[in-house]
Amino acid sequence: MKILVLGDIVGRPGRNFLSHHLQSFLLENDISLCIANGENAAGGAGITAKTAEEIKKAGVNAITLGDHVWDQKNFENEIDQLDFVCRPANLPNSNPGKDHLILERANTRVGLFTVLGRSFMGPKVACPFFTADRIVNNLQTQDVEQIICEIHAETTSEKESIGWYLDGRVSLVFGTHTHVPTIDGRILPKGTAYQTDLGMTGPRESVLGREIDACVGRFLDGMPRKCPVAEKDVGMQGCVIEVSNESPRNSVSYQRIEIRDNEID
């Protein structure tokens, strides 16, 4: 079974790209399950129930979130109605929303969860390593054949560390948050596929998905200013893994993907 995992969806440009192109990509590449980080999907910061449903309609089966999970007003009152969305698992237990998902495709049960990193990140969260232990152990008791862990974090060292920590216990560890894809994707020695950051589904002619002049201006004079979502050179970045129930919680193959709007006929 092939699983497509996409980096952070950024604003309307990212959502529109998926609406126009994702279904054909899934069919052409025989993808059974599509997962995407949606924490920047609404106006570049946060998500709403409406935008989550739009992303689902485009072909994404499960949406993960990050440190901007509560940026959009009233989403804390919407998330419990979205059974295909999970918030970071190491937020306080009092937070609404699911801390993991179990997805069933092609006679395979796939567990999915996200942990937030703690280095240079705003939210005060529990240890991502101990939280990952708890979730993985819980999923194993539920006969989940494949497990996918997202580490939404700032530093490559924290992401790499959790990749090695979970090697052989999960099918894939992928990083998000920086919106810039890394080229270190591979299958680790014990069978876990890994990539430090998948990048983003959004406008590449930008600074992390935002308009260039506004972002550069912030660095030049230090003055606060709005940085709207950019609109040019839109595409999606992520990876495709293949898993088999003959190798539980391991990946058979891994491939980084990047597709731009101007590359599609």
C-alpha atoms as a PDB file:
ATOM      1  CA  MET A   1       0.000   0.000   0.000  1.00  0.00           C
ATOM      2  CA  LYS A   2       1.283   3.451  -0.938  1.00  0.00           C
ATOM      3  CA  ILE A   3       0.838   6.425   1.392  1.00  0.00           C
ATOM      4  CA  LEU A   4       1.316  10.057   0.348  1.00  0.00           C
ATOM      5  CA  VAL A   5       2.295  12.517   3.081  1.00  0.00           C
ATOM      6  CA  LEU A   6       2.314  16.264   2.318  1.00  0.00           C
ATOM      7  CA  GLY A   7       4.040  19.172   4.034  1.00  0.00           C
ATOM      8  CA  ASP A   8       2.194  22.147   5.562  1.00  0.00           C
ATOM      9  CA  ILE A   9      -0.681  23.409   3.392  1.00  0.00           C
ATOM     10  CA  VAL A  10      -0.288  27.197   3.197  1.00  0.00           C
ATOM     11  CA  GLY A  11      -3.417  29.301   2.685  1.00  0.00           C
ATOM     12  CA  ARG A  12      -5.738  29.417  -0.285  1.00  0.00           C
ATOM     13  CA  PRO A  13      -2.972  28.831  -2.884  1.00  0.00           C
ATOM     14  CA  GLY A  14      -2.092  25.511  -1.260  1.00  0.00           C
ATOM     15  CA  ARG A  15      -5.729  24.473  -0.926  1.00  0.00           C
ATOM     16  CA  ASN A  16      -6.490  25.407  -4.540  1.00  0.00           C
ATOM     17  CA  PHE A  17      -3.530  23.397  -5.807  1.00  0.00           C
ATOM     18  CA  LEU A  18      -4.816  20.305  -4.030  1.00  0.00           C
ATOM     19  CA  SER A  19      -8.355  20.872  -5.296  1.00  0.00           C
ATOM     20  CA  HIS A  20      -7.111  21.047  -8.891  1.00  0.00           C
ATOM     21  CA  HIS A  21      -4.378  18.395  -8.943  1.00  0.00           C
ATOM     22  CA  LEU A  22      -4.394  15.995  -5.988  1.00  0.00           C
ATOM     23  CA  GLN A  23      -7.031  13.533  -7.194  1.00  0.00           C
ATOM     24  CA  SER A  24      -5.235  12.893 -10.478  1.00  0.00           C
ATOM     25  CA  PHE A  25      -1.907  12.392  -8.654  1.00  0.00           C
ATOM     26  CA  LEU A  26      -3.498   9.857  -6.311  1.00  0.00           C
ATOM     27  CA  LEU A  27      -4.964   7.886  -9.209  1.00  0.00           C
ATOM     28  CA  GLU A  28      -1.860   7.999 -11.417  1.00  0.00           C
ATOM     29  CA  ASN A  29       0.377   6.810  -8.583  1.00  0.00           C
ATOM     30  CA  ASP A  30      -1.966   4.243  -7.018  1.00  0.00           C
ATOM     31  CA  ILE A  31      -2.030   6.026  -3.655  1.00  0.00           C
ATOM     32  CA  SER A  32      -4.285   4.408  -1.046  1.00  0.00           C
ATOM     33  CA  LEU A  33      -3.976   6.992   1.734  1.00  0.00           C
ATOM     34  CA  CYS A  34      -3.154  10.719   1.759  1.00  0.00           C
ATOM     35  CA  ILE A  35      -2.072  12.630   4.886  1.00  0.00           C
ATOM     36  CA  ALA A  36      -1.285  16.356   5.117  1.00  0.00           C
ATOM     37  CA  ASN A  37      -0.379  18.918   7.736  1.00  0.00           C
ATOM     38  CA  GLY A  38      -3.068  21.631   7.711  1.00  0.00           C
ATOM     39  CA  GLU A  39      -1.989  24.006  10.467  1.00  0.00           C
ATOM     40  CA  ASN A  40      -1.407  26.912   8.018  1.00  0.00           C
ATOM     41  CA  ALA A  41      -4.351  26.176   5.763  1.00  0.00           C
ATOM     42  CA  ALA A  42      -6.605  29.110   6.751  1.00  0.00           C
ATOM     43  CA  GLY A  43      -5.040  32.421   5.805  1.00  0.00           C
ATOM     44  CA  GLY A  44      -1.578  31.017   6.489  1.00  0.00           C
ATOM     45  CA  ALA A  45      -2.147  30.513  10.234  1.00  0.00           C
ATOM     46  CA  GLY A  46      -4.414  27.883  11.743  1.00  0.00           C
ATOM     47  CA  ILE A  47      -7.331  25.992  10.270  1.00  0.00           C
ATOM     48  CA  THR A  48     -11.127  26.067  10.395  1.00  0.00           C
ATOM     49  CA  ALA A  49     -13.738  23.352   9.987  1.00  0.00           C
ATOM     50  CA  LYS A  50     -14.620  24.812   6.580  1.00  0.00           C
ATOM     51  CA  THR A  51     -11.055  24.702   5.277  1.00  0.00           C
ATOM     52  CA  ALA A  52     -10.541  21.211   6.746  1.00  0.00           C
ATOM     53  CA  GLU A  53     -13.605  19.945   4.855  1.00  0.00           C
ATOM     54  CA  GLU A  54     -12.321  21.622   1.673  1.00  0.00           C
ATOM     55  CA  ILE A  55      -8.986  19.809   2.038  1.00  0.00           C
ATOM     56  CA  LYS A  56     -10.751  16.512   2.658  1.00  0.00           C
ATOM     57  CA  LYS A  57     -12.885  16.999  -0.440  1.00  0.00           C
ATOM     58  CA  ALA A  58      -9.696  17.562  -2.467  1.00  0.00           C
ATOM     59  CA  GLY A  59      -8.518  14.041  -1.559  1.00  0.00           C
ATOM     60  CA  VAL A  60      -6.696  14.288   1.781  1.00  0.00           C
ATOM     61  CA  ASN A  61      -7.844  11.528   4.137  1.00  0.00           C
ATOM     62  CA  ALA A  62      -6.273  12.783   7.364  1.00  0.00           C
ATOM     63  CA  ILE A  63      -5.077  16.191   8.573  1.00  0.00           C
ATOM     64  CA  THR A  64      -2.450  16.791  11.239  1.00  0.00           C
ATOM     65  CA  LEU A  65      -1.798  20.098  13.009  1.00  0.00           C
ATOM     66  CA  GLY A  66       1.019  21.978  14.760  1.00  0.00           C
ATOM     67  CA  ASP A  67       1.774  24.960  16.970  1.00  0.00           C
ATOM     68  CA  HIS A  68      -0.813  27.145  15.158  1.00  0.00           C
ATOM     69  CA  VAL A  69      -3.600  24.695  15.988  1.00  0.00           C
ATOM     70  CA  TRP A  70      -5.704  27.272  17.903  1.00  0.00           C
ATOM     71  CA  ASP A  71      -4.920  30.392  15.824  1.00  0.00           C
ATOM     72  CA  GLN A  72      -8.336  30.540  14.163  1.00  0.00           C
ATOM     73  CA  LYS A  73     -11.186  31.777  16.326  1.00  0.00           C
ATOM     74  CA  ASN A  74     -13.637  29.083  17.451  1.00  0.00           C
ATOM     75  CA  PHE A  75     -11.669  26.121  16.083  1.00  0.00           C
ATOM     76  CA  GLU A  76     -11.452  24.703  19.602  1.00  0.00           C
ATOM     77  CA  ASN A  77     -15.235  24.309  19.373  1.00  0.00           C
ATOM     78  CA  GLU A  78     -15.087  22.681  15.917  1.00  0.00           C
ATOM     79  CA  ILE A  79     -12.270  20.149  16.126  1.00  0.00           C
ATOM     80  CA  ASP A  80     -14.235  17.454  17.969  1.00  0.00           C
ATOM     81  CA  GLN A  81     -16.656  17.250  15.025  1.00  0.00           C
ATOM     82  CA  LEU A  82     -13.800  16.523  12.588  1.00  0.00           C
ATOM     83  CA  ASP A  83     -13.027  12.801  12.873  1.00  0.00           C
ATOM     84  CA  PHE A  84     -10.242  13.034  10.257  1.00  0.00           C
ATOM     85  CA  VAL A  85      -8.210  15.681  12.136  1.00  0.00           C
ATOM     86  CA  CYS A  86      -5.802  15.212  15.039  1.00  0.00           C
ATOM     87  CA  ARG A  87      -4.061  17.883  17.116  1.00  0.00           C
ATOM     88  CA  PRO A  88      -0.551  17.493  18.576  1.00  0.00           C
ATOM     89  CA  ALA A  89      -0.540  14.652  21.087  1.00  0.00           C
ATOM     90  CA  ASN A  90       1.704  16.358  23.659  1.00  0.00           C
ATOM     91  CA  LEU A  91      -0.555  19.351  24.233  1.00  0.00           C
ATOM     92  CA  PRO A  92      -2.206  19.335  27.690  1.00  0.00           C
ATOM     93  CA  ASN A  93      -4.879  16.653  28.029  1.00  0.00           C
ATOM     94  CA  SER A  94      -7.473  19.369  28.626  1.00  0.00           C
ATOM     95  CA  ASN A  95      -7.153  20.483  24.970  1.00  0.00           C
ATOM     96  CA  PRO A  96     -10.014  19.359  22.726  1.00  0.00           C
ATOM     97  CA  GLY A  97      -9.465  17.128  19.710  1.00  0.00           C
ATOM     98  CA  LYS A  98      -8.020  13.670  19.065  1.00  0.00           C
ATOM     99  CA  ASP A  99      -4.376  13.025  19.933  1.00  0.00           C
ATOM    100  CA  HIS A 100      -4.107  10.319  17.251  1.00  0.00           C
ATOM    101  CA  LEU A 101      -6.049   8.740  14.413  1.00  0.00           C
ATOM    102  CA  ILE A 102      -6.498   5.164  13.224  1.00  0.00           C
ATOM    103  CA  LEU A 103      -7.086   4.969   9.470  1.00  0.00           C
ATOM    104  CA  GLU A 104      -8.178   1.806   7.657  1.00  0.00           C
ATOM    105  CA  ARG A 105      -7.192   1.233   4.022  1.00  0.00           C
ATOM    106  CA  ALA A 106      -6.572  -1.917   1.953  1.00  0.00           C
ATOM    107  CA  ASN A 107      -7.060  -4.218   4.961  1.00  0.00           C
ATOM    108  CA  THR A 108      -4.420  -2.226   6.851  1.00  0.00           C
ATOM    109  CA  ARG A 109      -4.822  -0.197  10.030  1.00  0.00           C
ATOM    110  CA  VAL A 110      -2.590   2.881  10.043  1.00  0.00           C
ATOM    111  CA  GLY A 111      -1.997   4.849  13.231  1.00  0.00           C
ATOM    112  CA  LEU A 112      -1.131   8.552  12.894  1.00  0.00           C
ATOM    113  CA  PHE A 113      -0.036  11.123  15.458  1.00  0.00           C
ATOM    114  CA  THR A 114       1.915  14.377  15.804  1.00  0.00           C
ATOM    115  CA  VAL A 115       4.199  15.653  18.537  1.00  0.00           C
ATOM    116  CA  LEU A 116       5.432  19.223  18.919  1.00  0.00           C
ATOM    117  CA  GLY A 117       9.108  19.867  19.491  1.00  0.00           C
ATOM    118  CA  ARG A 118      10.235  21.911  22.484  1.00  0.00           C
ATOM    119  CA  SER A 119      13.324  23.716  21.137  1.00  0.00           C
ATOM    120  CA  PHE A 120      12.537  27.323  20.080  1.00  0.00           C
ATOM    121  CA  MET A 121       8.797  26.559  19.991  1.00  0.00           C
ATOM    122  CA  GLY A 122       6.086  28.563  21.748  1.00  0.00           C
ATOM    123  CA  PRO A 123       3.611  26.103  23.247  1.00  0.00           C
ATOM    124  CA  LYS A 124       4.439  24.493  26.586  1.00  0.00           C
ATOM    125  CA  VAL A 125       4.091  20.801  25.868  1.00  0.00           C
ATOM    126  CA  ALA A 126       4.949  17.443  27.378  1.00  0.00           C
ATOM    127  CA  CYS A 127       8.089  15.586  26.288  1.00  0.00           C
ATOM    128  CA  PRO A 128       7.638  14.538  22.634  1.00  0.00           C
ATOM    129  CA  PHE A 129       9.705  11.375  23.166  1.00  0.00           C
ATOM    130  CA  PHE A 130       7.692  10.101  26.133  1.00  0.00           C
ATOM    131  CA  THR A 131       4.452  11.093  24.384  1.00  0.00           C
ATOM    132  CA  ALA A 132       5.518   9.136  21.300  1.00  0.00           C
ATOM    133  CA  ASP A 133       6.201   6.119  23.554  1.00  0.00           C
ATOM    134  CA  ARG A 134       2.704   6.361  24.999  1.00  0.00           C
ATOM    135  CA  ILE A 135       0.961   6.655  21.640  1.00  0.00           C
ATOM    136  CA  VAL A 136       3.017   3.929  19.941  1.00  0.00           C
ATOM    137  CA  ASN A 137       2.437   1.510  22.822  1.00  0.00           C
ATOM    138  CA  ASN A 138      -1.291   2.290  22.760  1.00  0.00           C
ATOM    139  CA  LEU A 139      -1.535   1.727  19.003  1.00  0.00           C
ATOM    140  CA  GLN A 140       0.293  -1.580  19.227  1.00  0.00           C
ATOM    141  CA  THR A 141      -2.356  -2.893  21.632  1.00  0.00           C
ATOM    142  CA  GLN A 142      -5.013  -2.056  19.008  1.00  0.00           C
ATOM    143  CA  ASP A 143      -3.523  -4.287  16.290  1.00  0.00           C
ATOM    144  CA  VAL A 144      -2.348  -1.350  14.198  1.00  0.00           C
ATOM    145  CA  GLU A 145      -0.047  -2.686  11.486  1.00  0.00           C
ATOM    146  CA  GLN A 146       1.575   0.613  10.426  1.00  0.00           C
ATOM    147  CA  ILE A 147       2.312   3.742  12.489  1.00  0.00           C
ATOM    148  CA  ILE A 148       3.223   7.208  11.222  1.00  0.00           C
ATOM    149  CA  CYS A 149       4.693   9.889  13.484  1.00  0.00           C
ATOM    150  CA  GLU A 150       4.988  13.576  12.619  1.00  0.00           C
ATOM    151  CA  ILE A 151       7.434  15.763  14.537  1.00  0.00           C
ATOM    152  CA  HIS A 152       6.425  19.412  14.157  1.00  0.00           C
ATOM    153  CA  ALA A 153       9.558  21.184  15.311  1.00  0.00           C
ATOM    154  CA  GLU A 154      12.058  23.956  14.633  1.00  0.00           C
ATOM    155  CA  THR A 155      15.420  22.222  14.988  1.00  0.00           C
ATOM    156  CA  THR A 156      16.795  19.464  12.791  1.00  0.00           C
ATOM    157  CA  SER A 157      18.560  17.893  15.786  1.00  0.00           C
ATOM    158  CA  GLU A 158      15.298  17.342  17.663  1.00  0.00           C
ATOM    159  CA  LYS A 159      13.652  15.896  14.553  1.00  0.00           C
ATOM    160  CA  GLU A 160      16.566  13.583  13.789  1.00  0.00           C
ATOM    161  CA  SER A 161      16.708  12.452  17.398  1.00  0.00           C
ATOM    162  CA  ILE A 162      13.091  11.326  17.449  1.00  0.00           C
ATOM    163  CA  GLY A 163      13.619   9.621  14.096  1.00  0.00           C
ATOM    164  CA  TRP A 164      16.404   7.493  15.558  1.00  0.00           C
ATOM    165  CA  TYR A 165      14.447   7.016  18.789  1.00  0.00           C
ATOM    166  CA  LEU A 166      11.499   5.483  16.912  1.00  0.00           C
ATOM    167  CA  ASP A 167      13.482   3.563  14.272  1.00  0.00           C
ATOM    168  CA  GLY A 168      11.987   0.092  13.909  1.00  0.00           C
ATOM    169  CA  ARG A 169       8.895   0.954  15.935  1.00  0.00           C
ATOM    170  CA  VAL A 170       7.008   3.032  13.359  1.00  0.00           C
ATOM    171  CA  SER A 171       6.718   3.045   9.563  1.00  0.00           C
ATOM    172  CA  LEU A 172       7.569   6.718   9.025  1.00  0.00           C
ATOM    173  CA  VAL A 173       8.819   9.713  10.994  1.00  0.00           C
ATOM    174  CA  PHE A 174       8.440  12.961   9.073  1.00  0.00           C
ATOM    175  CA  GLY A 175       9.146  16.533  10.091  1.00  0.00           C
ATOM    176  CA  THR A 176       7.142  19.676   9.381  1.00  0.00           C
ATOM    177  CA  HIS A 177       7.076  23.349  10.429  1.00  0.00           C
ATOM    178  CA  THR A 178      10.009  24.949   8.567  1.00  0.00           C
ATOM    179  CA  HIS A 179       8.278  24.797   5.138  1.00  0.00           C
ATOM    180  CA  VAL A 180      11.629  24.006   3.460  1.00  0.00           C
ATOM    181  CA  PRO A 181      12.163  20.411   2.273  1.00  0.00           C
ATOM    182  CA  THR A 182      15.278  18.520   3.293  1.00  0.00           C
ATOM    183  CA  ILE A 183      17.103  15.997   1.109  1.00  0.00           C
ATOM    184  CA  ASP A 184      17.933  13.519   3.857  1.00  0.00           C
ATOM    185  CA  GLY A 185      14.961  11.238   3.256  1.00  0.00           C
ATOM    186  CA  ARG A 186      15.808   7.550   3.595  1.00  0.00           C
ATOM    187  CA  ILE A 187      14.911   4.310   5.331  1.00  0.00           C
ATOM    188  CA  LEU A 188      16.773   4.008   8.628  1.00  0.00           C
ATOM    189  CA  PRO A 189      18.615   0.763   9.553  1.00  0.00           C
ATOM    190  CA  LYS A 190      15.711  -0.800  11.486  1.00  0.00           C
ATOM    191  CA  GLY A 191      13.136  -0.057   8.779  1.00  0.00           C
ATOM    192  CA  THR A 192      11.602   3.344   9.569  1.00  0.00           C
ATOM    193  CA  ALA A 193      11.364   5.830   6.690  1.00  0.00           C
ATOM    194  CA  TYR A 194      12.526   9.306   7.706  1.00  0.00           C
ATOM    195  CA  GLN A 195      12.704  12.888   6.365  1.00  0.00           C
ATOM    196  CA  THR A 196      13.611  15.897   8.520  1.00  0.00           C
ATOM    197  CA  ASP A 197      11.143  18.254   6.828  1.00  0.00           C
ATOM    198  CA  LEU A 198       8.677  17.604   4.005  1.00  0.00           C
ATOM    199  CA  GLY A 199       8.438  21.275   2.974  1.00  0.00           C
ATOM    200  CA  MET A 200       5.067  22.797   2.156  1.00  0.00           C
ATOM    201  CA  THR A 201       2.085  22.673  -0.149  1.00  0.00           C
ATOM    202  CA  GLY A 202       1.982  26.304  -1.216  1.00  0.00           C
ATOM    203  CA  PRO A 203       3.802  29.124  -3.059  1.00  0.00           C
ATOM    204  CA  ARG A 204       7.558  28.622  -3.486  1.00  0.00           C
ATOM    205  CA  GLU A 205       8.165  32.200  -4.734  1.00  0.00           C
ATOM    206  CA  SER A 206       7.918  33.380  -1.165  1.00  0.00           C
ATOM    207  CA  VAL A 207       9.535  33.396   2.254  1.00  0.00           C
ATOM    208  CA  LEU A 208       8.076  30.258   3.858  1.00  0.00           C
ATOM    209  CA  GLY A 209       4.843  30.870   1.955  1.00  0.00           C
ATOM    210  CA  ARG A 210       4.582  34.609   2.689  1.00  0.00           C
ATOM    211  CA  GLU A 211       5.091  37.610   0.382  1.00  0.00           C
ATOM    212  CA  ILE A 212       8.781  38.285  -0.109  1.00  0.00           C
ATOM    213  CA  ASP A 213       8.923  42.094   0.213  1.00  0.00           C
ATOM    214  CA  ALA A 214       7.040  42.142   3.514  1.00  0.00           C
ATOM    215  CA  CYS A 215       9.259  39.450   5.055  1.00  0.00           C
ATOM    216  CA  VAL A 216      12.482  41.042   3.818  1.00  0.00           C
ATOM    217  CA  GLY A 217      11.271  44.393   5.172  1.00  0.00           C
ATOM    218  CA  ARG A 218      10.918  42.939   8.652  1.00  0.00           C
ATOM    219  CA  PHE A 219      14.572  41.964   8.621  1.00  0.00           C
ATOM    220  CA  LEU A 220      15.728  45.288   7.182  1.00  0.00           C
ATOM    221  CA  ASP A 221      14.075  47.674   9.633  1.00  0.00           C
ATOM    222  CA  GLY A 222      12.632  45.466  12.379  1.00  0.00           C
ATOM    223  CA  MET A 223       9.238  47.135  12.068  1.00  0.00           C
ATOM    224  CA  PRO A 224       6.106  44.987  12.465  1.00  0.00           C
ATOM    225  CA  ARG A 225       4.103  44.499   9.306  1.00  0.00           C
ATOM    226  CA  LYS A 226       1.639  41.990   7.899  1.00  0.00           C
ATOM    227  CA  CYS A 227       3.125  39.240   5.740  1.00  0.00           C
ATOM    228  CA  PRO A 228       0.300  38.029   3.468  1.00  0.00           C
ATOM    229  CA  VAL A 229       0.345  34.582   1.886  1.00  0.00           C
ATOM    230  CA  ALA A 230       2.191  34.657  -1.461  1.00  0.00           C
ATOM    231  CA  GLU A 231       0.615  33.341  -4.658  1.00  0.00           C
ATOM    232  CA  LYS A 232       3.308  32.424  -7.233  1.00  0.00           C
ATOM    233  CA  ASP A 233       4.971  29.114  -8.137  1.00  0.00           C
ATOM    234  CA  VAL A 234       2.529  26.961  -6.202  1.00  0.00           C
ATOM    235  CA  GLY A 235       3.022  23.237  -5.734  1.00  0.00           C
ATOM    236  CA  MET A 236       3.107  20.391  -3.269  1.00  0.00           C
ATOM    237  CA  GLN A 237       6.024  18.782  -1.473  1.00  0.00           C
ATOM    238  CA  GLY A 238       6.108  15.605   0.557  1.00  0.00           C
ATOM    239  CA  CYS A 239       6.939  11.943   0.288  1.00  0.00           C
ATOM    240  CA  VAL A 240       5.447   8.609  -0.725  1.00  0.00           C
ATOM    241  CA  ILE A 241       6.117   5.488   1.304  1.00  0.00           C
ATOM    242  CA  GLU A 242       5.096   1.946   0.555  1.00  0.00           C
ATOM    243  CA  VAL A 243       4.207  -0.403   3.397  1.00  0.00           C
ATOM    244  CA  SER A 244       3.349  -4.092   3.616  1.00  0.00           C
ATOM    245  CA  ASN A 245       1.618  -6.011   6.377  1.00  0.00           C
ATOM    246  CA  GLU A 246       4.381  -8.608   5.976  1.00  0.00           C
ATOM    247  CA  SER A 247       6.682  -5.985   7.558  1.00  0.00           C
ATOM    248  CA  PRO A 248       4.615  -4.345  10.339  1.00  0.00           C
ATOM    249  CA  ARG A 249       5.681  -0.829  11.351  1.00  0.00           C
ATOM    250  CA  ASN A 250       8.346  -0.724   8.636  1.00  0.00           C
ATOM    251  CA  SER A 251       8.505   0.887   5.204  1.00  0.00           C
ATOM    252  CA  VAL A 252       9.265  -1.059   2.039  1.00  0.00           C
ATOM    253  CA  SER A 253      10.198   2.037   0.037  1.00  0.00           C
ATOM    254  CA  TYR A 254      10.470   5.822   0.343  1.00  0.00           C
ATOM    255  CA  GLN A 255      10.438   8.595  -2.279  1.00  0.00           C
ATOM    256  CA  ARG A 256      10.495  12.389  -1.863  1.00  0.00           C
ATOM    257  CA  ILE A 257       8.056  14.188  -4.180  1.00  0.00           C
ATOM    258  CA  GLU A 258       7.734  17.757  -5.437  1.00  0.00           C
ATOM    259  CA  ILE A 259       5.264  18.889  -8.080  1.00  0.00           C
ATOM    260  CA  ARG A 260       4.832  22.484  -9.299  1.00  0.00           C
ATOM    261  CA  ASP A 261       1.814  24.022 -10.990  1.00  0.00           C
ATOM    262  CA  ASN A 262       3.835  24.842 -14.115  1.00  0.00           C
ATOM    263  CA  GLU A 263       4.991  21.210 -14.454  1.00  0.00           C
ATOM    264  CA  ILE A 264       1.442  19.866 -14.902  1.00  0.00           C
ATOM    265  CA  ASP A 265      -0.105  19.693 -18.355  1.00  0.00           C
END
